[in-house]
């Protein structure tokens, strides 16, 4: 969806008439005219099946490393001054 809106806003540039007043207006008009038919449903669900577990793993690892580093190297009580 973001790529569609971005390309529509870019294509209305200096050489064509201005069809959209902004991002929200562009999203409304695209939804009304195209009726959510941006991508085939199978590719969207396949992408979600791949992306959601990857995001869960990344955020879990980040939190674990953050907590480990916080316990090993606690922040000083006074802020650093440069």
PDB file of N, CA and C in Angstrom:
ATOM      1  N   UNK A   1       0.826  -1.188   0.000  1.00  0.00           N
ATOM      2  CA  UNK A   1       0.000   0.000   0.000  1.00  0.00           C
ATOM      3  C   UNK A   1       0.867   1.246   0.000  1.00  0.00           C
ATOM      4  N   UNK A   2       1.898   1.252   0.824  1.00  0.00           N
ATOM      5  CA  UNK A   2       2.769   2.424   0.911  1.00  0.00           C
ATOM      6  C   UNK A   2       3.426   2.701  -0.432  1.00  0.00           C
ATOM      7  N   UNK A   3       3.866   1.657  -1.122  1.00  0.00           N
ATOM      8  CA  UNK A   3       4.515   1.848  -2.416  1.00  0.00           C
ATOM      9  C   UNK A   3       3.548   2.419  -3.442  1.00  0.00           C
ATOM     10  N   UNK A   4       2.292   1.991  -3.402  1.00  0.00           N
ATOM     11  CA  UNK A   4       1.292   2.500  -4.340  1.00  0.00           C
ATOM     12  C   UNK A   4       1.053   3.977  -4.101  1.00  0.00           C
ATOM     13  N   UNK A   5       0.861   4.363  -2.841  1.00  0.00           N
ATOM     14  CA  UNK A   5       0.622   5.770  -2.514  1.00  0.00           C
ATOM     15  C   UNK A   5       1.833   6.611  -2.884  1.00  0.00           C
ATOM     16  N   UNK A   6       3.010   6.139  -2.552  1.00  0.00           N
ATOM     17  CA  UNK A   6       4.226   6.887  -2.873  1.00  0.00           C
ATOM     18  C   UNK A   6       4.373   7.100  -4.376  1.00  0.00           C
ATOM     19  N   UNK A   7       4.147   6.044  -5.153  1.00  0.00           N
ATOM     20  CA  UNK A   7       4.294   6.190  -6.602  1.00  0.00           C
ATOM     21  C   UNK A   7       3.230   7.115  -7.182  1.00  0.00           C
ATOM     22  N   UNK A   8       2.008   7.075  -6.650  1.00  0.00           N
ATOM     23  CA  UNK A   8       0.963   7.974  -7.141  1.00  0.00           C
ATOM     24  C   UNK A   8       1.299   9.427  -6.842  1.00  0.00           C
ATOM     25  N   UNK A   9       1.817   9.678  -5.647  1.00  0.00           N
ATOM     26  CA  UNK A   9       2.189  11.053  -5.308  1.00  0.00           C
ATOM     27  C   UNK A   9       3.385  11.530  -6.126  1.00  0.00           C
ATOM     28  N   UNK A  10       4.323  10.638  -6.407  1.00  0.00           N
ATOM     29  CA  UNK A  10       5.482  11.018  -7.213  1.00  0.00           C
ATOM     30  C   UNK A  10       5.098  11.278  -8.656  1.00  0.00           C
ATOM     31  N   UNK A  11       4.174  10.500  -9.201  1.00  0.00           N
ATOM     32  CA  UNK A  11       3.819  10.650 -10.608  1.00  0.00           C
ATOM     33  C   UNK A  11       3.025  11.914 -10.885  1.00  0.00           C
ATOM     34  N   UNK A  12       2.387  12.483  -9.850  1.00  0.00           N
ATOM     35  CA  UNK A  12       1.620  13.702 -10.075  1.00  0.00           C
ATOM     36  C   UNK A  12       2.519  14.922 -10.131  1.00  0.00           C
ATOM     37  N   UNK A  13       3.796  14.792  -9.995  1.00  0.00           N
ATOM     38  CA  UNK A  13       4.815  15.835 -10.036  1.00  0.00           C
ATOM     39  C   UNK A  13       4.497  17.123 -10.755  1.00  0.00           C
ATOM     40  N   UNK A  14       5.459  17.687 -11.374  1.00  0.00           N
ATOM     41  CA  UNK A  14       5.334  18.997 -12.000  1.00  0.00           C
ATOM     42  C   UNK A  14       4.685  18.950 -13.374  1.00  0.00           C
ATOM     43  N   UNK A  15       4.692  17.827 -14.046  1.00  0.00           N
ATOM     44  CA  UNK A  15       4.238  17.754 -15.431  1.00  0.00           C
ATOM     45  C   UNK A  15       2.801  17.288 -15.601  1.00  0.00           C
ATOM     46  N   UNK A  16       2.093  16.976 -14.547  1.00  0.00           N
ATOM     47  CA  UNK A  16       0.708  16.541 -14.671  1.00  0.00           C
ATOM     48  C   UNK A  16      -0.152  17.302 -13.665  1.00  0.00           C
ATOM     49  N   UNK A  17      -1.478  17.179 -13.817  1.00  0.00           N
ATOM     50  CA  UNK A  17      -2.387  17.878 -12.905  1.00  0.00           C
ATOM     51  C   UNK A  17      -2.279  17.284 -11.506  1.00  0.00           C
ATOM     52  N   UNK A  18      -2.586  18.093 -10.536  1.00  0.00           N
ATOM     53  CA  UNK A  18      -2.502  17.652  -9.151  1.00  0.00           C
ATOM     54  C   UNK A  18      -3.810  16.949  -8.789  1.00  0.00           C
ATOM     55  N   UNK A  19      -3.742  15.626  -8.567  1.00  0.00           N
ATOM     56  CA  UNK A  19      -4.930  14.830  -8.267  1.00  0.00           C
ATOM     57  C   UNK A  19      -5.122  14.601  -6.778  1.00  0.00           C
ATOM     58  N   UNK A  20      -4.066  14.700  -5.996  1.00  0.00           N
ATOM     59  CA  UNK A  20      -4.136  14.411  -4.566  1.00  0.00           C
ATOM     60  C   UNK A  20      -3.604  15.601  -3.784  1.00  0.00           C
ATOM     61  N   UNK A  21      -4.263  15.900  -2.662  1.00  0.00           N
ATOM     62  CA  UNK A  21      -3.811  17.022  -1.841  1.00  0.00           C
ATOM     63  C   UNK A  21      -2.795  16.595  -0.786  1.00  0.00           C
ATOM     64  N   UNK A  22      -2.642  15.299  -0.591  1.00  0.00           N
ATOM     65  CA  UNK A  22      -1.680  14.803   0.385  1.00  0.00           C
ATOM     66  C   UNK A  22      -1.755  13.291   0.496  1.00  0.00           C
ATOM     67  N   UNK A  23      -1.054  12.754   1.488  1.00  0.00           N
ATOM     68  CA  UNK A  23      -0.974  11.307   1.660  1.00  0.00           C
ATOM     69  C   UNK A  23      -2.338  10.720   2.020  1.00  0.00           C
ATOM     70  N   UNK A  24      -3.035  11.344   2.970  1.00  0.00           N
ATOM     71  CA  UNK A  24      -4.330  10.811   3.413  1.00  0.00           C
ATOM     72  C   UNK A  24      -5.342  10.866   2.275  1.00  0.00           C
ATOM     73  N   UNK A  25      -5.367  11.984   1.542  1.00  0.00           N
ATOM     74  CA  UNK A  25      -6.271  12.108   0.404  1.00  0.00           C
ATOM     75  C   UNK A  25      -5.964  11.054  -0.653  1.00  0.00           C
ATOM     76  N   UNK A  26      -4.704  10.821  -0.917  1.00  0.00           N
ATOM     77  CA  UNK A  26      -4.296   9.817  -1.892  1.00  0.00           C
ATOM     78  C   UNK A  26      -4.743   8.425  -1.445  1.00  0.00           C
ATOM     79  N   UNK A  27      -4.564   8.094  -0.166  1.00  0.00           N
ATOM     80  CA  UNK A  27      -4.978   6.781   0.337  1.00  0.00           C
ATOM     81  C   UNK A  27      -6.488   6.597   0.199  1.00  0.00           C
ATOM     82  N   UNK A  28      -7.262   7.627   0.541  1.00  0.00           N
ATOM     83  CA  UNK A  28      -8.717   7.532   0.432  1.00  0.00           C
ATOM     84  C   UNK A  28      -9.146   7.276  -1.009  1.00  0.00           C
ATOM     85  N   UNK A  29      -8.572   8.040  -1.939  1.00  0.00           N
ATOM     86  CA  UNK A  29      -8.971   7.909  -3.338  1.00  0.00           C
ATOM     87  C   UNK A  29      -8.538   6.562  -3.923  1.00  0.00           C
ATOM     88  N   UNK A  30      -7.374   6.092  -3.548  1.00  0.00           N
ATOM     89  CA  UNK A  30      -6.910   4.796  -4.050  1.00  0.00           C
ATOM     90  C   UNK A  30      -7.792   3.679  -3.501  1.00  0.00           C
ATOM     91  N   UNK A  31      -8.135   3.736  -2.217  1.00  0.00           N
ATOM     92  CA  UNK A  31      -9.021   2.719  -1.631  1.00  0.00           C
ATOM     93  C   UNK A  31     -10.386   2.719  -2.308  1.00  0.00           C
ATOM     94  N   UNK A  32     -10.933   3.910  -2.573  1.00  0.00           N
ATOM     95  CA  UNK A  32     -12.252   4.005  -3.196  1.00  0.00           C
ATOM     96  C   UNK A  32     -12.237   3.479  -4.627  1.00  0.00           C
ATOM     97  N   UNK A  33     -11.214   3.836  -5.390  1.00  0.00           N
ATOM     98  CA  UNK A  33     -11.177   3.472  -6.804  1.00  0.00           C
ATOM     99  C   UNK A  33     -10.741   2.030  -7.039  1.00  0.00           C
ATOM    100  N   UNK A  34      -9.803   1.530  -6.242  1.00  0.00           N
ATOM    101  CA  UNK A  34      -9.211   0.233  -6.540  1.00  0.00           C
ATOM    102  C   UNK A  34      -9.716  -0.887  -5.645  1.00  0.00           C
ATOM    103  N   UNK A  35     -10.478  -0.557  -4.617  1.00  0.00           N
ATOM    104  CA  UNK A  35     -11.158  -1.566  -3.802  1.00  0.00           C
ATOM    105  C   UNK A  35     -10.206  -2.622  -3.236  1.00  0.00           C
ATOM    106  N   UNK A  36      -9.095  -2.195  -2.656  1.00  0.00           N
ATOM    107  CA  UNK A  36      -8.130  -3.055  -1.964  1.00  0.00           C
ATOM    108  C   UNK A  36      -7.494  -4.121  -2.847  1.00  0.00           C
ATOM    109  N   UNK A  37      -7.469  -3.972  -4.116  1.00  0.00           N
ATOM    110  CA  UNK A  37      -6.905  -4.991  -4.999  1.00  0.00           C
ATOM    111  C   UNK A  37      -5.469  -4.651  -5.384  1.00  0.00           C
ATOM    112  N   UNK A  38      -4.625  -4.411  -4.412  1.00  0.00           N
ATOM    113  CA  UNK A  38      -3.237  -4.052  -4.706  1.00  0.00           C
ATOM    114  C   UNK A  38      -2.385  -5.274  -4.971  1.00  0.00           C
ATOM    115  N   UNK A  39      -2.510  -6.291  -4.149  1.00  0.00           N
ATOM    116  CA  UNK A  39      -1.676  -7.478  -4.241  1.00  0.00           C
ATOM    117  C   UNK A  39      -2.568  -8.705  -4.202  1.00  0.00           C
ATOM    118  N   UNK A  40      -2.156  -9.774  -4.819  1.00  0.00           N
ATOM    119  CA  UNK A  40      -2.927 -11.016  -4.671  1.00  0.00           C
ATOM    120  C   UNK A  40      -2.934 -11.463  -3.206  1.00  0.00           C
ATOM    121  N   UNK A  41      -4.015 -12.017  -2.772  1.00  0.00           N
ATOM    122  CA  UNK A  41      -4.142 -12.411  -1.366  1.00  0.00           C
ATOM    123  C   UNK A  41      -3.118 -13.454  -0.965  1.00  0.00           C
ATOM    124  N   UNK A  42      -2.767 -14.331  -1.885  1.00  0.00           N
ATOM    125  CA  UNK A  42      -1.820 -15.385  -1.520  1.00  0.00           C
ATOM    126  C   UNK A  42      -0.435 -14.804  -1.244  1.00  0.00           C
ATOM    127  N   UNK A  43      -0.001 -13.799  -1.996  1.00  0.00           N
ATOM    128  CA  UNK A  43       1.332 -13.248  -1.745  1.00  0.00           C
ATOM    129  C   UNK A  43       1.359 -12.453  -0.453  1.00  0.00           C
ATOM    130  N   UNK A  44       0.243 -11.796  -0.093  1.00  0.00           N
ATOM    131  CA  UNK A  44       0.193 -11.058   1.158  1.00  0.00           C
ATOM    132  C   UNK A  44       0.271 -12.006   2.342  1.00  0.00           C
ATOM    133  N   UNK A  45      -0.494 -13.080   2.300  1.00  0.00           N
ATOM    134  CA  UNK A  45      -0.462 -14.017   3.425  1.00  0.00           C
ATOM    135  C   UNK A  45       0.887 -14.721   3.500  1.00  0.00           C
ATOM    136  N   UNK A  46       1.477 -15.031   2.365  1.00  0.00           N
ATOM    137  CA  UNK A  46       2.809 -15.657   2.363  1.00  0.00           C
ATOM    138  C   UNK A  46       3.836 -14.708   2.954  1.00  0.00           C
ATOM    139  N   UNK A  47       3.738 -13.445   2.603  1.00  0.00           N
ATOM    140  CA  UNK A  47       4.666 -12.460   3.146  1.00  0.00           C
ATOM    141  C   UNK A  47       4.490 -12.328   4.659  1.00  0.00           C
ATOM    142  N   UNK A  48       3.247 -12.328   5.140  1.00  0.00           N
ATOM    143  CA  UNK A  48       3.014 -12.241   6.584  1.00  0.00           C
ATOM    144  C   UNK A  48       3.525 -13.475   7.315  1.00  0.00           C
ATOM    145  N   UNK A  49       3.347 -14.642   6.722  1.00  0.00           N
ATOM    146  CA  UNK A  49       3.840 -15.880   7.352  1.00  0.00           C
ATOM    147  C   UNK A  49       5.356 -15.837   7.488  1.00  0.00           C
ATOM    148  N   UNK A  50       6.025 -15.178   6.568  1.00  0.00           N
ATOM    149  CA  UNK A  50       7.477 -15.071   6.621  1.00  0.00           C
ATOM    150  C   UNK A  50       7.921 -13.936   7.531  1.00  0.00           C
ATOM    151  N   UNK A  51       7.221 -12.817   7.505  1.00  0.00           N
ATOM    152  CA  UNK A  51       7.671 -11.611   8.186  1.00  0.00           C
ATOM    153  C   UNK A  51       7.404 -11.630   9.685  1.00  0.00           C
ATOM    154  N   UNK A  52       6.250 -12.111  10.100  1.00  0.00           N
ATOM    155  CA  UNK A  52       5.888 -12.066  11.523  1.00  0.00           C
ATOM    156  C   UNK A  52       6.843 -12.881  12.393  1.00  0.00           C
ATOM    157  N   UNK A  53       7.163 -14.132  12.067  1.00  0.00           N
ATOM    158  CA  UNK A  53       8.128 -14.852  12.909  1.00  0.00           C
ATOM    159  C   UNK A  53       9.512 -14.189  12.917  1.00  0.00           C
ATOM    160  N   UNK A  54       9.927 -13.643  11.791  1.00  0.00           N
ATOM    161  CA  UNK A  54      11.226 -12.964  11.746  1.00  0.00           C
ATOM    162  C   UNK A  54      11.234 -11.747  12.668  1.00  0.00           C
ATOM    163  N   UNK A  55      10.152 -10.982  12.667  1.00  0.00           N
ATOM    164  CA  UNK A  55      10.068  -9.814  13.546  1.00  0.00           C
ATOM    165  C   UNK A  55      10.050 -10.224  15.009  1.00  0.00           C
ATOM    166  N   UNK A  56       9.344 -11.297  15.330  1.00  0.00           N
ATOM    167  CA  UNK A  56       9.306 -11.793  16.711  1.00  0.00           C
ATOM    168  C   UNK A  56      10.698 -12.201  17.174  1.00  0.00           C
ATOM    169  N   UNK A  57      11.425 -12.910  16.343  1.00  0.00           N
ATOM    170  CA  UNK A  57      12.778 -13.346  16.696  1.00  0.00           C
ATOM    171  C   UNK A  57      13.702 -12.152  16.888  1.00  0.00           C
ATOM    172  N   UNK A  58      13.633 -11.192  15.984  1.00  0.00           N
ATOM    173  CA  UNK A  58      14.510 -10.020  16.079  1.00  0.00           C
ATOM    174  C   UNK A  58      14.231  -9.239  17.346  1.00  0.00           C
ATOM    175  N   UNK A  59      12.952  -8.946  17.641  1.00  0.00           N
ATOM    176  CA  UNK A  59      12.636  -8.159  18.828  1.00  0.00           C
ATOM    177  C   UNK A  59      12.942  -8.914  20.112  1.00  0.00           C
ATOM    178  N   UNK A  60      12.734 -10.231  20.126  1.00  0.00           N
ATOM    179  CA  UNK A  60      13.062 -11.018  21.314  1.00  0.00           C
ATOM    180  C   UNK A  60      14.558 -11.009  21.567  1.00  0.00           C
ATOM    181  N   UNK A  61      15.341 -11.209  20.522  1.00  0.00           N
ATOM    182  CA  UNK A  61      16.799 -11.174  20.678  1.00  0.00           C
ATOM    183  C   UNK A  61      17.275  -9.810  21.143  1.00  0.00           C
ATOM    184  N   UNK A  62      16.705  -8.763  20.585  1.00  0.00           N
ATOM    185  CA  UNK A  62      17.081  -7.414  20.994  1.00  0.00           C
ATOM    186  C   UNK A  62      16.809  -7.206  22.473  1.00  0.00           C
ATOM    187  N   UNK A  63      15.613  -7.608  22.930  1.00  0.00           N
ATOM    188  CA  UNK A  63      15.261  -7.437  24.335  1.00  0.00           C
ATOM    189  C   UNK A  63      16.177  -8.248  25.244  1.00  0.00           C
ATOM    190  N   UNK A  64      16.507  -9.465  24.853  1.00  0.00           N
ATOM    191  CA  UNK A  64      17.382 -10.297  25.678  1.00  0.00           C
ATOM    192  C   UNK A  64      18.782  -9.700  25.772  1.00  0.00           C
ATOM    193  N   UNK A  65      19.316  -9.253  24.658  1.00  0.00           N
ATOM    194  CA  UNK A  65      20.651  -8.641  24.660  1.00  0.00           C
ATOM    195  C   UNK A  65      20.621  -7.336  25.448  1.00  0.00           C
ATOM    196  N   UNK A  66      19.561  -6.545  25.288  1.00  0.00           N
ATOM    197  CA  UNK A  66      19.442  -5.287  26.017  1.00  0.00           C
ATOM    198  C   UNK A  66      19.423  -5.525  27.523  1.00  0.00           C
ATOM    199  N   UNK A  67      18.629  -6.485  27.970  1.00  0.00           N
ATOM    200  CA  UNK A  67      18.564  -6.788  29.405  1.00  0.00           C
ATOM    201  C   UNK A  67      19.898  -7.311  29.925  1.00  0.00           C
ATOM    202  N   UNK A  68      20.564  -8.169  29.143  1.00  0.00           N
ATOM    203  CA  UNK A  68      21.863  -8.688  29.545  1.00  0.00           C
ATOM    204  C   UNK A  68      22.871  -7.559  29.700  1.00  0.00           C
ATOM    205  N   UNK A  69      22.952  -6.692  28.717  1.00  0.00           N
ATOM    206  CA  UNK A  69      23.902  -5.579  28.785  1.00  0.00           C
ATOM    207  C   UNK A  69      23.549  -4.607  29.900  1.00  0.00           C
ATOM    208  N   UNK A  70      22.265  -4.420  30.161  1.00  0.00           N
ATOM    209  CA  UNK A  70      21.851  -3.523  31.231  1.00  0.00           C
ATOM    210  C   UNK A  70      22.270  -4.067  32.589  1.00  0.00           C
ATOM    211  N   UNK A  71      22.190  -5.389  32.786  1.00  0.00           N
ATOM    212  CA  UNK A  71      22.606  -5.970  34.070  1.00  0.00           C
ATOM    213  C   UNK A  71      24.123  -6.014  34.200  1.00  0.00           C
ATOM    214  N   UNK A  72      24.827  -6.245  33.089  1.00  0.00           N
ATOM    215  CA  UNK A  72      26.293  -6.309  33.147  1.00  0.00           C
ATOM    216  C   UNK A  72      26.919  -4.925  33.289  1.00  0.00           C
ATOM    217  N   UNK A  73      26.326  -3.937  32.629  1.00  0.00           N
ATOM    218  CA  UNK A  73      26.850  -2.573  32.640  1.00  0.00           C
ATOM    219  C   UNK A  73      25.732  -1.596  32.995  1.00  0.00           C
ATOM    220  N   UNK A  74      25.380  -1.521  34.286  1.00  0.00           N
ATOM    221  CA  UNK A  74      24.282  -0.634  34.661  1.00  0.00           C
ATOM    222  C   UNK A  74      24.640   0.825  34.390  1.00  0.00           C
ATOM    223  N   UNK A  75      23.660   1.631  34.031  1.00  0.00           N
ATOM    224  CA  UNK A  75      23.962   3.044  33.773  1.00  0.00           C
ATOM    225  C   UNK A  75      24.342   3.760  35.061  1.00  0.00           C
ATOM    226  N   UNK A  76      25.186   4.743  34.924  1.00  0.00           N
ATOM    227  CA  UNK A  76      25.603   5.514  36.105  1.00  0.00           C
ATOM    228  C   UNK A  76      24.450   6.391  36.550  1.00  0.00           C
ATOM    229  N   UNK A  77      24.465   6.730  37.829  1.00  0.00           N
ATOM    230  CA  UNK A  77      23.369   7.535  38.350  1.00  0.00           C
ATOM    231  C   UNK A  77      23.428   8.974  37.856  1.00  0.00           C
ATOM    232  N   UNK A  78      24.613   9.453  37.494  1.00  0.00           N
ATOM    233  CA  UNK A  78      24.745  10.829  37.025  1.00  0.00           C
ATOM    234  C   UNK A  78      24.877  10.812  35.505  1.00  0.00           C
ATOM    235  N   UNK A  79      24.225  11.756  34.826  1.00  0.00           N
ATOM    236  CA  UNK A  79      24.337  11.803  33.369  1.00  0.00           C
ATOM    237  C   UNK A  79      25.733  12.216  32.922  1.00  0.00           C
ATOM    238  N   UNK A  80      26.116  11.754  31.763  1.00  0.00           N
ATOM    239  CA  UNK A  80      27.405  12.105  31.212  1.00  0.00           C
ATOM    240  C   UNK A  80      27.408  13.537  30.725  1.00  0.00           C
ATOM    241  N   UNK A  81      28.486  14.231  30.964  1.00  0.00           N
ATOM    242  CA  UNK A  81      28.633  15.598  30.451  1.00  0.00           C
ATOM    243  C   UNK A  81      29.837  15.629  29.537  1.00  0.00           C
ATOM    244  N   UNK A  82      29.675  16.294  28.440  1.00  0.00           N
ATOM    245  CA  UNK A  82      30.761  16.364  27.460  1.00  0.00           C
ATOM    246  C   UNK A  82      31.472  17.677  27.514  1.00  0.00           C
TER     247      UNK A  82
END
